[in-house]
Amino acid sequence: DVGVLHLELTSRCNALCPLCARTTGLDYDSQLLK
């Protein structure tokens, strides 16, 4: 009897938020975001 069904649906995103799991890491040191 699932109360909440949490769906991700896609790994695509239009944004590049710097601390998101999909971007280039946590220690940037002025690296190009990708």
PDB file of all heavy atoms in Angstrom:
ATOM      1  N   ASP A   1       0.854  -1.186   0.000  1.00  0.00           N
ATOM      2  CA  ASP A   1       0.000   0.000   0.000  1.00  0.00           C
ATOM      3  C   ASP A   1       0.893   1.241   0.000  1.00  0.00           C
ATOM      4  O   ASP A   1       1.069   1.921   1.001  1.00  0.00           O
ATOM      5  CB  ASP A   1      -0.951  -0.009   1.202  1.00  0.00           C
ATOM      6  CG  ASP A   1      -0.221  -0.155   2.523  1.00  0.00           C
ATOM      7  OD1 ASP A   1       0.901  -0.679   2.526  1.00  0.00           O
ATOM      8  OD2 ASP A   1      -0.782   0.274   3.551  1.00  0.00           O
ATOM      9  N   VAL A   2       1.464   1.554  -1.161  1.00  0.00           N
ATOM     10  CA  VAL A   2       2.372   2.679  -1.311  1.00  0.00           C
ATOM     11  C   VAL A   2       1.610   3.983  -1.085  1.00  0.00           C
ATOM     12  O   VAL A   2       0.567   4.217  -1.691  1.00  0.00           O
ATOM     13  CB  VAL A   2       3.008   2.684  -2.721  1.00  0.00           C
ATOM     14  CG1 VAL A   2       3.895   3.911  -2.910  1.00  0.00           C
ATOM     15  CG2 VAL A   2       3.804   1.410  -2.935  1.00  0.00           C
ATOM     16  N   GLY A   3       2.137   4.842  -0.210  1.00  0.00           N
ATOM     17  CA  GLY A   3       1.497   6.121   0.056  1.00  0.00           C
ATOM     18  C   GLY A   3       1.936   7.199  -0.916  1.00  0.00           C
ATOM     19  O   GLY A   3       1.126   7.985  -1.414  1.00  0.00           O
ATOM     20  N   VAL A   4       3.257   7.251  -1.178  1.00  0.00           N
ATOM     21  CA  VAL A   4       3.819   8.256  -2.081  1.00  0.00           C
ATOM     22  C   VAL A   4       4.667   7.556  -3.127  1.00  0.00           C
ATOM     23  O   VAL A   4       5.596   6.822  -2.795  1.00  0.00           O
ATOM     24  CB  VAL A   4       4.683   9.281  -1.329  1.00  0.00           C
ATOM     25  CG1 VAL A   4       5.253  10.318  -2.305  1.00  0.00           C
ATOM     26  CG2 VAL A   4       3.874   9.976  -0.235  1.00  0.00           C
ATOM     27  N   LEU A   5       4.344   7.779  -4.381  1.00  0.00           N
ATOM     28  CA  LEU A   5       5.128   7.245  -5.492  1.00  0.00           C
ATOM     29  C   LEU A   5       5.976   8.388  -6.043  1.00  0.00           C
ATOM     30  O   LEU A   5       5.458   9.366  -6.578  1.00  0.00           O
ATOM     31  CB  LEU A   5       4.208   6.687  -6.580  1.00  0.00           C
ATOM     32  CG  LEU A   5       4.904   6.058  -7.795  1.00  0.00           C
ATOM     33  CD1 LEU A   5       5.706   4.834  -7.383  1.00  0.00           C
ATOM     34  CD2 LEU A   5       3.872   5.691  -8.864  1.00  0.00           C
ATOM     35  N   HIS A   6       7.292   8.279  -5.894  1.00  0.00           N
ATOM     36  CA  HIS A   6       8.227   9.335  -6.299  1.00  0.00           C
ATOM     37  C   HIS A   6       8.864   8.919  -7.620  1.00  0.00           C
ATOM     38  O   HIS A   6       9.571   7.921  -7.685  1.00  0.00           O
ATOM     39  CB  HIS A   6       9.286   9.509  -5.198  1.00  0.00           C
ATOM     40  CG  HIS A   6      10.220  10.646  -5.424  1.00  0.00           C
ATOM     41  ND1 HIS A   6      11.135  11.042  -4.469  1.00  0.00           N
ATOM     42  CD2 HIS A   6      10.412  11.468  -6.482  1.00  0.00           C
ATOM     43  CE1 HIS A   6      11.839  12.071  -4.936  1.00  0.00           C
ATOM     44  NE2 HIS A   6      11.420  12.330  -6.156  1.00  0.00           N
ATOM     45  N   LEU A   7       8.607   9.687  -8.676  1.00  0.00           N
ATOM     46  CA  LEU A   7       9.085   9.361 -10.016  1.00  0.00           C
ATOM     47  C   LEU A   7      10.159  10.341 -10.471  1.00  0.00           C
ATOM     48  O   LEU A   7       9.984  11.560 -10.364  1.00  0.00           O
ATOM     49  CB  LEU A   7       7.925   9.397 -11.015  1.00  0.00           C
ATOM     50  CG  LEU A   7       6.733   8.478 -10.740  1.00  0.00           C
ATOM     51  CD1 LEU A   7       5.642   8.725 -11.776  1.00  0.00           C
ATOM     52  CD2 LEU A   7       7.152   7.020 -10.745  1.00  0.00           C
ATOM     53  N   GLU A   8      11.261   9.800 -11.024  1.00  0.00           N
ATOM     54  CA  GLU A   8      12.311  10.664 -11.567  1.00  0.00           C
ATOM     55  C   GLU A   8      12.064  10.989 -13.044  1.00  0.00           C
ATOM     56  O   GLU A   8      12.243  12.123 -13.482  1.00  0.00           O
ATOM     57  CB  GLU A   8      13.680  10.011 -11.389  1.00  0.00           C
ATOM     58  CG  GLU A   8      14.819  10.905 -11.821  1.00  0.00           C
ATOM     59  CD  GLU A   8      16.171  10.404 -11.355  1.00  0.00           C
ATOM     60  OE1 GLU A   8      16.357   9.175 -11.203  1.00  0.00           O
ATOM     61  OE2 GLU A   8      17.048  11.245 -11.136  1.00  0.00           O
ATOM     62  N   LEU A   9      11.690  10.027 -13.843  1.00  0.00           N
ATOM     63  CA  LEU A   9      11.284  10.124 -15.242  1.00  0.00           C
ATOM     64  C   LEU A   9      12.409  10.408 -16.245  1.00  0.00           C
ATOM     65  O   LEU A   9      12.399   9.862 -17.341  1.00  0.00           O
ATOM     66  CB  LEU A   9      10.175  11.171 -15.434  1.00  0.00           C
ATOM     67  CG  LEU A   9       8.837  10.876 -14.748  1.00  0.00           C
ATOM     68  CD1 LEU A   9       7.818  11.954 -15.103  1.00  0.00           C
ATOM     69  CD2 LEU A   9       8.312   9.506 -15.117  1.00  0.00           C
ATOM     70  N   THR A  10      13.371  11.252 -15.925  1.00  0.00           N
ATOM     71  CA  THR A  10      14.403  11.586 -16.908  1.00  0.00           C
ATOM     72  C   THR A  10      15.679  12.051 -16.229  1.00  0.00           C
ATOM     73  O   THR A  10      15.656  12.539 -15.093  1.00  0.00           O
ATOM     74  CB  THR A  10      13.900  12.687 -17.869  1.00  0.00           C
ATOM     75  OG1 THR A  10      14.887  12.924 -18.880  1.00  0.00           O
ATOM     76  CG2 THR A  10      13.619  13.989 -17.128  1.00  0.00           C
ATOM     77  N   SER A  11      16.792  11.892 -16.939  1.00  0.00           N
ATOM     78  CA  SER A  11      18.070  12.440 -16.464  1.00  0.00           C
ATOM     79  C   SER A  11      18.423  13.717 -17.213  1.00  0.00           C
ATOM     80  O   SER A  11      19.513  14.260 -17.047  1.00  0.00           O
ATOM     81  CB  SER A  11      19.190  11.406 -16.632  1.00  0.00           C
ATOM     82  OG  SER A  11      19.361  11.065 -18.005  1.00  0.00           O
ATOM     83  N   ARG A  12      17.514  14.198 -18.042  1.00  0.00           N
ATOM     84  CA  ARG A  12      17.764  15.409 -18.833  1.00  0.00           C
ATOM     85  C   ARG A  12      17.385  16.664 -18.034  1.00  0.00           C
ATOM     86  O   ARG A  12      16.436  16.650 -17.250  1.00  0.00           O
ATOM     87  CB  ARG A  12      16.954  15.382 -20.132  1.00  0.00           C
ATOM     88  CG  ARG A  12      17.201  14.156 -20.989  1.00  0.00           C
ATOM     89  CD  ARG A  12      16.303  14.136 -22.218  1.00  0.00           C
ATOM     90  NE  ARG A  12      16.329  12.839 -22.862  1.00  0.00           N
ATOM     91  CZ  ARG A  12      17.230  12.465 -23.756  1.00  0.00           C
ATOM     92  NH1 ARG A  12      18.176  13.321 -24.119  1.00  0.00           N
ATOM     93  NH2 ARG A  12      17.199  11.258 -24.294  1.00  0.00           N
ATOM     94  N   CYS A  13      18.111  17.738 -18.260  1.00  0.00           N
ATOM     95  CA  CYS A  13      17.790  19.006 -17.613  1.00  0.00           C
ATOM     96  C   CYS A  13      18.329  20.150 -18.455  1.00  0.00           C
ATOM     97  O   CYS A  13      19.398  20.039 -19.071  1.00  0.00           O
ATOM     98  CB  CYS A  13      18.381  19.068 -16.202  1.00  0.00           C
ATOM     99  SG  CYS A  13      17.860  20.532 -15.267  1.00  0.00           S
ATOM    100  N   ASN A  14      17.590  21.227 -18.494  1.00  0.00           N
ATOM    101  CA  ASN A  14      18.031  22.417 -19.222  1.00  0.00           C
ATOM    102  C   ASN A  14      19.043  23.234 -18.435  1.00  0.00           C
ATOM    103  O   ASN A  14      19.780  24.051 -19.000  1.00  0.00           O
ATOM    104  CB  ASN A  14      16.829  23.306 -19.539  1.00  0.00           C
ATOM    105  CG  ASN A  14      16.107  23.772 -18.275  1.00  0.00           C
ATOM    106  OD1 ASN A  14      15.698  22.941 -17.466  1.00  0.00           O
ATOM    107  ND2 ASN A  14      15.948  25.071 -18.105  1.00  0.00           N
ATOM    108  N   ALA A  15      19.112  23.025 -17.119  1.00  0.00           N
ATOM    109  CA  ALA A  15      19.964  23.847 -16.261  1.00  0.00           C
ATOM    110  C   ALA A  15      21.282  23.144 -15.934  1.00  0.00           C
ATOM    111  O   ALA A  15      21.441  21.939 -16.145  1.00  0.00           O
ATOM    112  CB  ALA A  15      19.228  24.202 -14.972  1.00  0.00           C
ATOM    113  N   LEU A  16      22.210  23.926 -15.402  1.00  0.00           N
ATOM    114  CA  LEU A  16      23.489  23.406 -14.922  1.00  0.00           C
ATOM    115  C   LEU A  16      23.763  23.983 -13.533  1.00  0.00           C
ATOM    116  O   LEU A  16      24.720  24.734 -13.320  1.00  0.00           O
ATOM    117  CB  LEU A  16      24.627  23.789 -15.872  1.00  0.00           C
ATOM    118  CG  LEU A  16      24.855  22.910 -17.097  1.00  0.00           C
ATOM    119  CD1 LEU A  16      25.950  23.505 -17.976  1.00  0.00           C
ATOM    120  CD2 LEU A  16      25.237  21.482 -16.701  1.00  0.00           C
ATOM    121  N   CYS A  17      22.927  23.659 -12.591  1.00  0.00           N
ATOM    122  CA  CYS A  17      23.115  24.159 -11.231  1.00  0.00           C
ATOM    123  C   CYS A  17      24.430  23.613 -10.679  1.00  0.00           C
ATOM    124  O   CYS A  17      24.673  22.404 -10.729  1.00  0.00           O
ATOM    125  CB  CYS A  17      21.952  23.743 -10.347  1.00  0.00           C
ATOM    126  SG  CYS A  17      20.350  24.316 -10.958  1.00  0.00           S
ATOM    127  N   PRO A  18      25.296  24.469 -10.155  1.00  0.00           N
ATOM    128  CA  PRO A  18      26.661  24.058  -9.810  1.00  0.00           C
ATOM    129  C   PRO A  18      26.774  22.990  -8.733  1.00  0.00           C
ATOM    130  O   PRO A  18      27.762  22.256  -8.703  1.00  0.00           O
ATOM    131  CB  PRO A  18      27.327  25.369  -9.361  1.00  0.00           C
ATOM    132  CG  PRO A  18      26.205  26.281  -9.033  1.00  0.00           C
ATOM    133  CD  PRO A  18      25.092  25.913  -9.952  1.00  0.00           C
ATOM    134  N   LEU A  19      25.797  22.865  -7.854  1.00  0.00           N
ATOM    135  CA  LEU A  19      25.882  21.850  -6.812  1.00  0.00           C
ATOM    136  C   LEU A  19      24.880  20.723  -7.022  1.00  0.00           C
ATOM    137  O   LEU A  19      24.551  19.995  -6.090  1.00  0.00           O
ATOM    138  CB  LEU A  19      25.694  22.487  -5.435  1.00  0.00           C
ATOM    139  CG  LEU A  19      26.810  23.455  -5.046  1.00  0.00           C
ATOM    140  CD1 LEU A  19      26.541  24.071  -3.683  1.00  0.00           C
ATOM    141  CD2 LEU A  19      28.165  22.762  -5.057  1.00  0.00           C
ATOM    142  N   CYS A  20      24.423  20.558  -8.251  1.00  0.00           N
ATOM    143  CA  CYS A  20      23.529  19.454  -8.587  1.00  0.00           C
ATOM    144  C   CYS A  20      24.352  18.192  -8.840  1.00  0.00           C
ATOM    145  O   CYS A  20      25.508  18.256  -9.260  1.00  0.00           O
ATOM    146  CB  CYS A  20      22.712  19.800  -9.823  1.00  0.00           C
ATOM    147  SG  CYS A  20      21.587  18.476 -10.363  1.00  0.00           S
ATOM    148  N   ALA A  21      23.727  17.040  -8.635  1.00  0.00           N
ATOM    149  CA  ALA A  21      24.425  15.769  -8.830  1.00  0.00           C
ATOM    150  C   ALA A  21      24.828  15.541 -10.280  1.00  0.00           C
ATOM    151  O   ALA A  21      25.729  14.740 -10.559  1.00  0.00           O
ATOM    152  CB  ALA A  21      23.532  14.615  -8.361  1.00  0.00           C
ATOM    153  N   ARG A  22      24.192  16.239 -11.230  1.00  0.00           N
ATOM    154  CA  ARG A  22      24.461  15.976 -12.649  1.00  0.00           C
ATOM    155  C   ARG A  22      25.614  16.808 -13.193  1.00  0.00           C
ATOM    156  O   ARG A  22      26.031  16.627 -14.327  1.00  0.00           O
ATOM    157  CB  ARG A  22      23.199  16.216 -13.475  1.00  0.00           C
ATOM    158  CG  ARG A  22      22.864  17.665 -13.694  1.00  0.00           C
ATOM    159  CD  ARG A  22      21.483  17.842 -14.335  1.00  0.00           C
ATOM    160  NE  ARG A  22      21.198  16.893 -15.376  1.00  0.00           N
ATOM    161  CZ  ARG A  22      21.542  17.013 -16.648  1.00  0.00           C
ATOM    162  NH1 ARG A  22      22.248  18.070 -17.009  1.00  0.00           N
ATOM    163  NH2 ARG A  22      21.214  16.115 -17.542  1.00  0.00           N
ATOM    164  N   THR A  23      26.112  17.758 -12.430  1.00  0.00           N
ATOM    165  CA  THR A  23      27.159  18.624 -12.933  1.00  0.00           C
ATOM    166  C   THR A  23      28.544  18.170 -12.475  1.00  0.00           C
ATOM    167  O   THR A  23      28.695  17.115 -11.869  1.00  0.00           O
ATOM    168  CB  THR A  23      26.905  20.093 -12.550  1.00  0.00           C
ATOM    169  OG1 THR A  23      26.624  20.165 -11.150  1.00  0.00           O
ATOM    170  CG2 THR A  23      25.732  20.651 -13.307  1.00  0.00           C
ATOM    171  N   THR A  24      29.549  18.973 -12.705  1.00  0.00           N
ATOM    172  CA  THR A  24      30.928  18.490 -12.756  1.00  0.00           C
ATOM    173  C   THR A  24      31.671  18.307 -11.446  1.00  0.00           C
ATOM    174  O   THR A  24      32.878  18.211 -11.447  1.00  0.00           O
ATOM    175  CB  THR A  24      31.761  19.430 -13.641  1.00  0.00           C
ATOM    176  OG1 THR A  24      31.439  20.786 -13.311  1.00  0.00           O
ATOM    177  CG2 THR A  24      31.505  19.178 -15.102  1.00  0.00           C
ATOM    178  N   GLY A  25      31.010  18.271 -10.329  1.00  0.00           N
ATOM    179  CA  GLY A  25      31.719  17.966  -9.096  1.00  0.00           C
ATOM    180  C   GLY A  25      31.627  19.066  -8.068  1.00  0.00           C
ATOM    181  O   GLY A  25      31.093  20.138  -8.306  1.00  0.00           O
ATOM    182  N   LEU A  26      32.172  18.811  -6.903  1.00  0.00           N
ATOM    183  CA  LEU A  26      32.017  19.721  -5.786  1.00  0.00           C
ATOM    184  C   LEU A  26      33.185  20.689  -5.618  1.00  0.00           C
ATOM    185  O   LEU A  26      33.020  21.786  -5.135  1.00  0.00           O
ATOM    186  CB  LEU A  26      31.828  18.915  -4.495  1.00  0.00           C
ATOM    187  CG  LEU A  26      30.582  18.016  -4.469  1.00  0.00           C
ATOM    188  CD1 LEU A  26      30.531  17.249  -3.160  1.00  0.00           C
ATOM    189  CD2 LEU A  26      29.323  18.841  -4.623  1.00  0.00           C
ATOM    190  N   ASP A  27      34.383  20.287  -5.982  1.00  0.00           N
ATOM    191  CA  ASP A  27      35.543  21.156  -5.859  1.00  0.00           C
ATOM    192  C   ASP A  27      35.873  21.746  -7.224  1.00  0.00           C
ATOM    193  O   ASP A  27      36.650  21.190  -7.994  1.00  0.00           O
ATOM    194  CB  ASP A  27      36.752  20.378  -5.323  1.00  0.00           C
ATOM    195  CG  ASP A  27      36.623  20.088  -3.841  1.00  0.00           C
ATOM    196  OD1 ASP A  27      36.124  20.967  -3.127  1.00  0.00           O
ATOM    197  OD2 ASP A  27      37.003  19.000  -3.419  1.00  0.00           O
ATOM    198  N   TYR A  28      35.268  22.866  -7.538  1.00  0.00           N
ATOM    199  CA  TYR A  28      35.370  23.405  -8.885  1.00  0.00           C
ATOM    200  C   TYR A  28      36.697  24.104  -9.146  1.00  0.00           C
ATOM    201  O   TYR A  28      37.325  23.910 -10.164  1.00  0.00           O
ATOM    202  CB  TYR A  28      34.216  24.387  -9.144  1.00  0.00           C
ATOM    203  CG  TYR A  28      32.903  23.689  -9.169  1.00  0.00           C
ATOM    204  CD1 TYR A  28      32.027  23.783  -8.099  1.00  0.00           C
ATOM    205  CD2 TYR A  28      32.554  22.882 -10.238  1.00  0.00           C
ATOM    206  CE1 TYR A  28      30.829  23.114  -8.116  1.00  0.00           C
ATOM    207  CE2 TYR A  28      31.348  22.215 -10.261  1.00  0.00           C
ATOM    208  CZ  TYR A  28      30.489  22.330  -9.198  1.00  0.00           C
ATOM    209  OH  TYR A  28      29.308  21.665  -9.211  1.00  0.00           O
ATOM    210  N   ASP A  29      37.120  24.959  -8.215  1.00  0.00           N
ATOM    211  CA  ASP A  29      38.351  25.708  -8.415  1.00  0.00           C
ATOM    212  C   ASP A  29      38.353  26.385  -9.786  1.00  0.00           C
ATOM    213  O   ASP A  29      39.293  26.258 -10.572  1.00  0.00           O
ATOM    214  CB  ASP A  29      39.575  24.800  -8.269  1.00  0.00           C
ATOM    215  CG  ASP A  29      39.708  24.258  -6.851  1.00  0.00           C
ATOM    216  OD1 ASP A  29      39.337  24.991  -5.919  1.00  0.00           O
ATOM    217  OD2 ASP A  29      40.161  23.122  -6.693  1.00  0.00           O
ATOM    218  N   SER A  30      37.255  27.064 -10.079  1.00  0.00           N
ATOM    219  CA  SER A  30      37.111  27.847 -11.310  1.00  0.00           C
ATOM    220  C   SER A  30      37.071  26.983 -12.571  1.00  0.00           C
ATOM    221  O   SER A  30      37.426  27.432 -13.656  1.00  0.00           O
ATOM    222  CB  SER A  30      38.236  28.882 -11.424  1.00  0.00           C
ATOM    223  OG  SER A  30      38.184  29.779 -10.337  1.00  0.00           O
ATOM    224  N   GLN A  31      36.621  25.753 -12.460  1.00  0.00           N
ATOM    225  CA  GLN A  31      36.455  24.912 -13.643  1.00  0.00           C
ATOM    226  C   GLN A  31      35.216  25.332 -14.423  1.00  0.00           C
ATOM    227  O   GLN A  31      34.286  25.919 -13.883  1.00  0.00           O
ATOM    228  CB  GLN A  31      36.325  23.442 -13.241  1.00  0.00           C
ATOM    229  CG  GLN A  31      37.585  22.854 -12.625  1.00  0.00           C
ATOM    230  CD  GLN A  31      37.393  21.390 -12.296  1.00  0.00           C
ATOM    231  OE1 GLN A  31      36.523  20.730 -12.849  1.00  0.00           O
ATOM    232  NE2 GLN A  31      38.210  20.878 -11.396  1.00  0.00           N
ATOM    233  N   LEU A  32      35.216  25.003 -15.705  1.00  0.00           N
ATOM    234  CA  LEU A  32      34.054  25.259 -16.542  1.00  0.00           C
ATOM    235  C   LEU A  32      32.942  24.291 -16.160  1.00  0.00           C
ATOM    236  O   LEU A  32      33.133  23.077 -16.114  1.00  0.00           O
ATOM    237  CB  LEU A  32      34.412  25.086 -18.023  1.00  0.00           C
ATOM    238  CG  LEU A  32      33.275  25.354 -19.015  1.00  0.00           C
ATOM    239  CD1 LEU A  32      32.868  26.820 -18.981  1.00  0.00           C
ATOM    240  CD2 LEU A  32      33.700  24.947 -20.426  1.00  0.00           C
ATOM    241  N   LEU A  33      31.776  24.832 -15.878  1.00  0.00           N
ATOM    242  CA  LEU A  33      30.634  24.028 -15.465  1.00  0.00           C
ATOM    243  C   LEU A  33      30.100  23.246 -16.661  1.00  0.00           C
ATOM    244  O   LEU A  33      29.895  23.792 -17.740  1.00  0.00           O
ATOM    245  CB  LEU A  33      29.550  24.955 -14.924  1.00  0.00           C
ATOM    246  CG  LEU A  33      28.479  24.355 -14.012  1.00  0.00           C
ATOM    247  CD1 LEU A  33      29.091  23.810 -12.743  1.00  0.00           C
ATOM    248  CD2 LEU A  33      27.442  25.421 -13.687  1.00  0.00           C
ATOM    249  N   LYS A  34      29.863  21.946 -16.486  1.00  0.00           N
ATOM    250  CA  LYS A  34      29.326  21.123 -17.558  1.00  0.00           C
ATOM    251  C   LYS A  34      28.651  19.887 -16.970  1.00  0.00           C
ATOM    252  O   LYS A  34      28.803  19.573 -15.786  1.00  0.00           O
ATOM    253  CB  LYS A  34      30.428  20.678 -18.514  1.00  0.00           C
ATOM    254  CG  LYS A  34      31.486  19.790 -17.878  1.00  0.00           C
ATOM    255  CD  LYS A  34      32.521  19.348 -18.907  1.00  0.00           C
ATOM    256  CE  LYS A  34      33.543  18.404 -18.261  1.00  0.00           C
ATOM    257  NZ  LYS A  34      34.533  17.912 -19.257  1.00  0.00           N
TER     258      LYS A  34
END
